[in-house]
Structure formats: structure tokens, C-alpha cells
Amino acid sequence: MTEHATIYYDDDADSTAIDDKTVAVMGYGSQGHAHAQNLAESRVEVVVGLREGSSSRDAAREDGLDVDTPVEAAARADIVSMLVPDTSSRRSTPTSKTNSMPTTPSSSPTGSTSTTGRSSPQRTWM
């Protein structure tokens, strides 16, 4: 017997789970850009976390998004979404001088979830 994939549509999602939440999107490449814009267009409060000097900071601001450093964006957020390449995720992971950050749930496009900047096997999707 062949199993068929389940297709989900907009009406299948419960967007109330992120009502009154701030989502920090780390990265503004092809995935981060689309994710941040989609959330903003859905009237979710979004802050984009980008390193000082990132060439994407101006682009995100021109698109009408709030931009902050990864540390500050994570501190302001209820949910953190890591949308940066694996090769740059270590330097984009929010940390502070005291090596701590708020215990804010985060997700990555690979499905790992973190509250400390380290991956865990638990999978959480927004």
C-alpha cells in the first residue's frame, strides 16, 4: 500500500500561537529574508538579528524591518529562528560577554531547537 503525503494549507495552521510574540530572525539571506517578510506581512512583530557591518542590515531596514545585533534581537524576542548558513552559525549565535543569553526558544531550518545556542535533538517549528 502506498502512503501519500499530507498537504497542509493556510487554514490548517493556528497562527494564534505567535500572536503578541516577537520573533527574532537571525540572518537575512534567501531563507531569512523570506521568513522575516512573511512574518511581518502576517502582522507578527519581527526583529532581524545581524552582525554589525553585515551587508544585509541596510537591505532589511529598507524592507521596513527592525534590525539589531544577534544578542539584542534574541534578548527582545519570544522566539528565535536561526536562518544562517551552518558555516556562519557559530558567530551568529547570540551570546554575551558573560556567555549567557535568555532562555528563548529557537528553531533552525534543520529542525534543531536551542535555548543556549547549542543544538538539541528536540524538533520545534514555528
Protein backbone atom coordinates (compact mmCIF):
# COMPACT_ATOMS: atom_id res chain seq x y z
CA MET A 1 0.00 0.00 0.00
CA THR A 2 1.37 3.41 -0.99
CA GLU A 3 1.24 6.17 1.59
CA HIS A 4 0.52 9.66 0.35
CA ALA A 5 1.96 12.85 1.75
CA THR A 6 -0.30 15.11 3.76
CA ILE A 7 -0.58 18.58 2.29
CA TYR A 8 -1.22 21.44 4.70
CA TYR A 9 -2.79 24.76 3.75
CA ASP A 10 -3.06 28.16 5.45
CA ASP A 11 -6.38 27.19 7.05
CA ASP A 12 -4.64 24.23 8.75
CA ALA A 13 -2.29 26.47 10.74
CA ASP A 14 -3.14 28.10 14.04
CA SER A 15 -1.35 31.43 13.90
CA THR A 16 -2.65 32.45 17.32
CA ALA A 17 0.33 30.61 18.81
CA ILE A 18 2.51 33.59 17.87
CA ASP A 19 0.03 36.40 18.48
CA ASP A 20 1.59 39.05 20.72
CA LYS A 21 5.03 37.44 20.33
CA THR A 22 8.24 38.93 18.98
CA VAL A 23 10.17 36.71 16.58
CA ALA A 24 13.88 37.27 16.03
CA VAL A 25 15.07 36.05 12.65
CA MET A 26 18.83 35.56 12.63
CA GLY A 27 20.12 36.11 9.13
CA TYR A 28 18.73 37.89 6.09
CA GLY A 29 19.82 35.73 3.18
CA SER A 30 17.35 33.89 0.96
CA GLN A 31 15.73 32.00 3.85
CA GLY A 32 15.90 34.74 6.49
CA HIS A 33 14.58 37.36 4.08
CA ALA A 34 11.58 35.24 3.10
CA HIS A 35 10.87 34.17 6.68
CA ALA A 36 11.07 37.71 8.10
CA GLN A 37 8.96 39.22 5.31
CA ASN A 38 6.30 36.51 5.61
CA LEU A 39 6.02 37.00 9.37
CA ALA A 40 5.91 40.80 9.04
CA GLU A 41 3.23 40.60 6.35
CA SER A 42 1.26 38.36 8.74
CA ARG A 43 1.44 41.17 11.33
CA VAL A 44 3.89 39.35 13.61
CA GLU A 45 6.43 41.60 15.34
CA VAL A 46 9.83 40.77 13.79
CA VAL A 47 13.37 41.83 14.60
CA VAL A 48 16.21 40.72 12.32
CA GLY A 49 19.45 39.80 14.07
CA LEU A 50 22.52 40.73 12.02
CA ARG A 51 26.15 41.35 12.91
CA GLU A 52 27.42 44.93 12.91
CA GLY A 53 28.83 45.61 9.46
CA SER A 54 26.65 42.98 7.76
CA SER A 55 25.81 43.99 4.19
CA SER A 56 22.24 42.82 4.84
CA ARG A 57 21.48 45.36 7.60
CA ASP A 58 20.59 48.14 5.15
CA ALA A 59 18.50 45.79 3.00
CA ALA A 60 16.43 44.62 5.97
CA ARG A 61 15.86 48.21 7.11
CA GLU A 62 14.88 49.27 3.58
CA ASP A 63 12.34 46.44 3.64
CA GLY A 64 10.80 48.06 6.72
CA LEU A 65 12.11 45.63 9.31
CA ASP A 66 13.62 46.33 12.70
CA VAL A 67 17.32 45.32 12.81
CA ASP A 68 19.52 44.69 15.82
CA THR A 69 22.59 42.69 16.76
CA PRO A 70 22.00 38.96 17.32
CA VAL A 71 22.43 39.38 21.09
CA GLU A 72 19.95 42.26 21.31
CA ALA A 73 17.48 40.64 18.91
CA ALA A 74 17.46 37.42 20.96
CA ALA A 75 17.04 39.37 24.19
CA ARG A 76 13.97 41.13 22.77
CA ALA A 77 12.38 38.02 21.27
CA ASP A 78 9.99 35.38 22.50
CA ILE A 79 11.04 33.09 19.62
CA VAL A 80 14.39 32.97 17.81
CA SER A 81 14.70 31.49 14.34
CA MET A 82 18.25 30.73 13.13
CA LEU A 83 18.35 31.15 9.35
CA VAL A 84 22.06 31.43 8.71
CA PRO A 85 24.38 29.03 6.86
CA ASP A 86 25.91 26.30 9.02
CA THR A 87 29.34 27.75 8.26
CA SER A 88 28.48 31.04 9.94
CA SER A 89 26.04 29.88 12.63
CA ARG A 90 28.67 29.82 15.38
CA ARG A 91 29.49 33.51 15.00
CA SER A 92 25.80 34.40 14.59
CA THR A 93 24.61 32.53 17.68
CA PRO A 94 23.56 35.09 20.27
CA THR A 95 25.97 35.17 23.20
CA SER A 96 27.07 37.90 25.51
CA LYS A 97 30.27 38.77 27.35
CA THR A 98 29.03 36.62 30.24
CA ASN A 99 28.43 33.75 27.81
CA SER A 100 24.73 33.64 28.58
CA MET A 101 21.52 34.58 26.84
CA PRO A 102 17.85 34.48 27.65
CA THR A 103 16.24 31.06 27.61
CA THR A 104 14.27 31.90 24.48
CA PRO A 105 13.09 29.00 22.32
CA SER A 106 14.75 28.95 18.92
CA SER A 107 14.42 26.94 15.75
CA SER A 108 16.61 26.34 12.77
CA PRO A 109 15.75 25.24 9.24
CA THR A 110 17.35 21.86 10.04
CA GLY A 111 14.85 21.36 12.84
CA SER A 112 17.05 21.51 15.91
CA THR A 113 15.90 23.59 18.84
CA SER A 114 18.06 25.51 21.25
CA THR A 115 17.76 27.72 24.30
CA THR A 116 21.50 28.10 24.86
CA GLY A 117 22.88 28.32 21.34
CA ARG A 118 23.64 24.59 21.30
CA SER A 119 21.62 22.15 19.21
CA SER A 120 19.35 19.61 20.83
CA PRO A 121 17.52 16.70 19.26
CA GLN A 122 14.09 18.16 20.08
CA ARG A 123 12.33 19.48 16.98
CA THR A 124 10.22 22.60 17.18
CA TRP A 125 8.74 24.52 14.28
CA MET A 126 7.03 27.87 14.30
